[in-house]
Amino acid sequence: MHKVKRRRNRFARIGMLSIALLLSLCVTGVGYSAWTDTVSIGGTVETGYIGVVLSPGACSPPISCSVGAPHILGVTLSNPGAGNYTCGFTITNTGTIPVKIQSIDASGVPNGVAVSVTGVSEGTQIEQAGVYQYSFDGKVTVNVPTSCEGAFSFNITFSFVQWNLYEE
């Protein structure tokens, strides 16, 4: 009988070499992952900010309004007679997150004088800048029951929170 010579495929050797290289790369990766167990990731995350601006508006004499540290509306009356007096204000959200008014507190109001705030209330949502309704106009009404000599002042403090942190 005559033996037939088999011809080896040249590409078979290249295939075997490729498989060997791939296996060595896998073993190297597994070895490296077992050797190191820490991962370091550096970066900065910015989610937005709250920026609320309180601005005084038009007032009827003898009342005047001014804005104190950041969300305090100062109201002053000079020699008021008996009656109702109003002072306007505007709240604008210049931030990137909607806010809600958590509380509105009047402090230092003289006995017998009634103060009310209209146009905004606790729970009013003020959208972020550039979105419908990111600004609200409000009004402080002061009821003076009898004429007063001299001047008196009081403050109205507004507290704001991120819209989803509001507590009723």
Protein backbone atom coordinates (compact mmCIF):
# COMPACT_ATOMS: atom_id res chain seq x y z
CA MET A 1 0.00 0.00 0.00
CA HIS A 2 0.98 3.39 -0.73
CA LYS A 3 0.88 6.05 1.98
CA VAL A 4 -0.78 9.29 1.10
CA LYS A 5 0.92 12.36 2.39
CA ARG A 6 -1.36 14.75 4.07
CA ARG A 7 -0.77 18.33 3.44
CA ARG A 8 -1.10 20.49 6.47
CA ASN A 9 -3.03 23.63 6.11
CA ARG A 10 -0.82 26.65 6.68
CA PHE A 11 -3.74 28.55 8.15
CA ALA A 12 -4.23 25.93 10.87
CA ARG A 13 -0.94 27.03 12.48
CA ILE A 14 -2.04 30.69 12.43
CA GLY A 15 -5.36 29.71 14.02
CA MET A 16 -3.61 27.80 16.79
CA LEU A 17 -1.29 30.76 17.40
CA SER A 18 -4.28 33.13 17.61
CA ILE A 19 -6.05 30.90 20.13
CA ALA A 20 -2.90 30.68 22.23
CA LEU A 21 -2.51 34.49 22.26
CA LEU A 22 -6.16 34.97 23.17
CA LEU A 23 -5.90 32.50 26.07
CA SER A 24 -2.75 34.20 27.38
CA LEU A 25 -4.49 37.59 27.25
CA CYS A 26 -7.47 36.20 29.19
CA VAL A 27 -5.21 34.69 31.83
CA THR A 28 -3.39 38.02 32.16
CA GLY A 29 -6.71 39.87 32.66
CA VAL A 30 -7.92 37.39 35.28
CA GLY A 31 -4.60 37.61 37.09
CA TYR A 32 -4.66 41.41 37.09
CA SER A 33 -8.23 41.55 38.36
CA ALA A 34 -7.38 39.21 41.22
CA TRP A 35 -4.32 41.30 42.07
CA THR A 36 -6.04 44.71 42.26
CA ASP A 37 -9.34 45.22 44.09
CA THR A 38 -9.74 49.00 44.02
CA VAL A 39 -11.29 51.31 41.48
CA SER A 40 -10.76 55.07 41.45
CA ILE A 41 -13.20 57.32 39.65
CA GLY A 42 -12.80 61.09 39.70
CA GLY A 43 -15.48 63.55 38.68
CA THR A 44 -17.88 66.30 39.64
CA VAL A 45 -21.66 66.06 39.76
CA GLU A 46 -23.82 69.16 39.70
CA THR A 47 -27.55 68.68 40.19
CA GLY A 48 -28.65 72.31 40.27
CA TYR A 49 -29.06 75.11 42.74
CA ILE A 50 -31.73 77.09 44.50
CA GLY A 51 -31.70 80.84 43.94
CA VAL A 52 -34.65 82.86 45.18
CA VAL A 53 -34.73 86.67 45.00
CA LEU A 54 -37.18 88.77 47.02
CA SER A 55 -37.75 92.30 45.65
CA PRO A 56 -39.81 95.14 47.16
CA GLY A 57 -42.60 96.62 45.06
CA ALA A 58 -44.88 99.65 45.11
CA CYS A 59 -46.25 100.76 48.48
CA SER A 60 -48.97 103.15 49.58
CA PRO A 61 -47.70 105.90 51.93
CA PRO A 62 -46.93 105.96 54.84
CA ILE A 63 -45.68 102.39 54.42
CA SER A 64 -42.31 101.40 52.96
CA CYS A 65 -40.69 98.02 52.30
CA SER A 66 -37.09 96.92 52.07
CA VAL A 67 -35.36 93.57 51.68
CA GLY A 68 -33.05 92.33 54.40
CA ALA A 69 -30.86 89.24 54.61
CA PRO A 70 -31.84 87.04 51.96
CA HIS A 71 -35.57 86.41 52.36
CA ILE A 72 -36.74 89.01 54.87
CA LEU A 73 -39.13 91.77 53.87
CA GLY A 74 -38.87 94.70 56.27
CA VAL A 75 -42.02 96.84 56.58
CA THR A 76 -42.00 100.31 58.16
CA LEU A 77 -44.95 102.62 58.82
CA SER A 78 -44.41 106.27 59.72
CA ASN A 79 -47.18 108.10 61.64
CA PRO A 80 -49.98 105.95 60.18
CA GLY A 81 -53.60 106.89 60.63
CA ALA A 82 -56.26 104.25 61.12
CA GLY A 83 -56.79 102.20 57.97
CA ASN A 84 -55.36 99.62 55.58
CA TYR A 85 -51.97 100.06 53.93
CA THR A 86 -50.39 97.86 51.27
CA CYS A 87 -46.90 97.11 50.07
CA GLY A 88 -46.06 94.93 47.07
CA PHE A 89 -43.22 92.49 46.58
CA THR A 90 -42.00 90.00 43.99
CA ILE A 91 -40.49 86.55 44.51
CA THR A 92 -38.38 85.27 41.60
CA ASN A 93 -36.66 81.89 41.32
CA THR A 94 -33.33 82.46 39.56
CA GLY A 95 -32.11 78.92 40.28
CA THR A 96 -32.33 75.70 38.31
CA ILE A 97 -34.59 73.78 40.72
CA PRO A 98 -38.28 74.51 41.43
CA VAL A 99 -38.94 75.68 45.00
CA LYS A 100 -41.93 75.87 47.29
CA ILE A 101 -42.63 78.36 50.05
CA GLN A 102 -42.24 76.38 53.28
CA SER A 103 -43.32 79.18 55.62
CA ILE A 104 -44.24 82.86 55.83
CA ASP A 105 -43.72 84.35 59.30
CA ALA A 106 -44.37 87.89 60.54
CA SER A 107 -42.34 89.00 63.56
CA GLY A 108 -42.33 92.21 65.58
CA VAL A 109 -45.88 93.21 64.66
CA PRO A 110 -47.27 95.64 67.29
CA ASN A 111 -50.28 94.55 69.33
CA GLY A 112 -53.59 95.33 67.66
CA VAL A 113 -52.09 95.65 64.16
CA ALA A 114 -53.19 92.94 61.68
CA VAL A 115 -50.90 91.79 58.88
CA SER A 116 -51.82 89.57 55.93
CA VAL A 117 -49.90 88.35 52.89
CA THR A 118 -51.74 87.72 49.62
CA GLY A 119 -50.64 86.57 46.16
CA VAL A 120 -48.49 83.78 47.60
CA SER A 121 -48.99 81.28 50.40
CA GLU A 122 -47.25 78.37 52.05
CA GLY A 123 -46.96 75.58 49.47
CA THR A 124 -46.84 77.91 46.44
CA GLN A 125 -44.50 76.34 43.89
CA ILE A 126 -42.16 78.66 42.00
CA GLU A 127 -40.64 77.06 38.92
CA GLN A 128 -36.99 77.38 37.91
CA ALA A 129 -35.83 80.37 35.87
CA GLY A 130 -37.17 80.39 32.33
CA VAL A 131 -40.12 78.07 33.04
CA TYR A 132 -43.72 79.25 33.47
CA GLN A 133 -44.34 80.62 36.51
CA TYR A 134 -40.96 81.44 37.95
CA SER A 135 -42.01 84.81 39.43
CA PHE A 136 -44.89 85.72 41.75
CA ASP A 137 -46.18 89.10 42.86
CA GLY A 138 -47.50 89.37 46.37
CA LYS A 139 -48.90 92.03 48.65
CA VAL A 140 -48.62 92.77 52.35
CA THR A 141 -51.70 94.42 53.84
CA VAL A 142 -51.39 96.13 57.21
CA ASN A 143 -54.55 97.05 59.12
CA VAL A 144 -53.91 99.79 61.69
CA PRO A 145 -56.97 100.10 63.99
CA THR A 146 -56.12 103.53 65.46
CA SER A 147 -53.81 106.40 64.53
CA CYS A 148 -50.22 106.01 65.72
CA GLU A 149 -47.62 108.66 66.50
CA GLY A 150 -44.12 107.82 65.35
CA ALA A 151 -42.96 104.86 63.34
CA PHE A 152 -43.01 101.11 63.81
CA SER A 153 -41.42 98.27 61.87
CA PHE A 154 -41.80 94.53 61.55
CA ASN A 155 -40.40 91.75 59.37
CA ILE A 156 -41.92 89.09 57.18
CA THR A 157 -39.61 86.10 56.69
CA PHE A 158 -40.05 83.71 53.78
CA SER A 159 -38.58 80.20 53.94
CA PHE A 160 -38.04 78.24 50.71
CA VAL A 161 -37.29 74.55 50.08
CA GLN A 162 -36.67 72.40 47.06
CA TRP A 163 -40.07 71.45 45.59
CA ASN A 164 -39.83 67.75 46.48
CA LEU A 165 -38.72 68.41 50.08
CA TYR A 166 -41.81 70.46 50.98
CA GLU A 167 -43.61 69.27 54.10
CA GLU A 168 -47.25 70.17 54.69
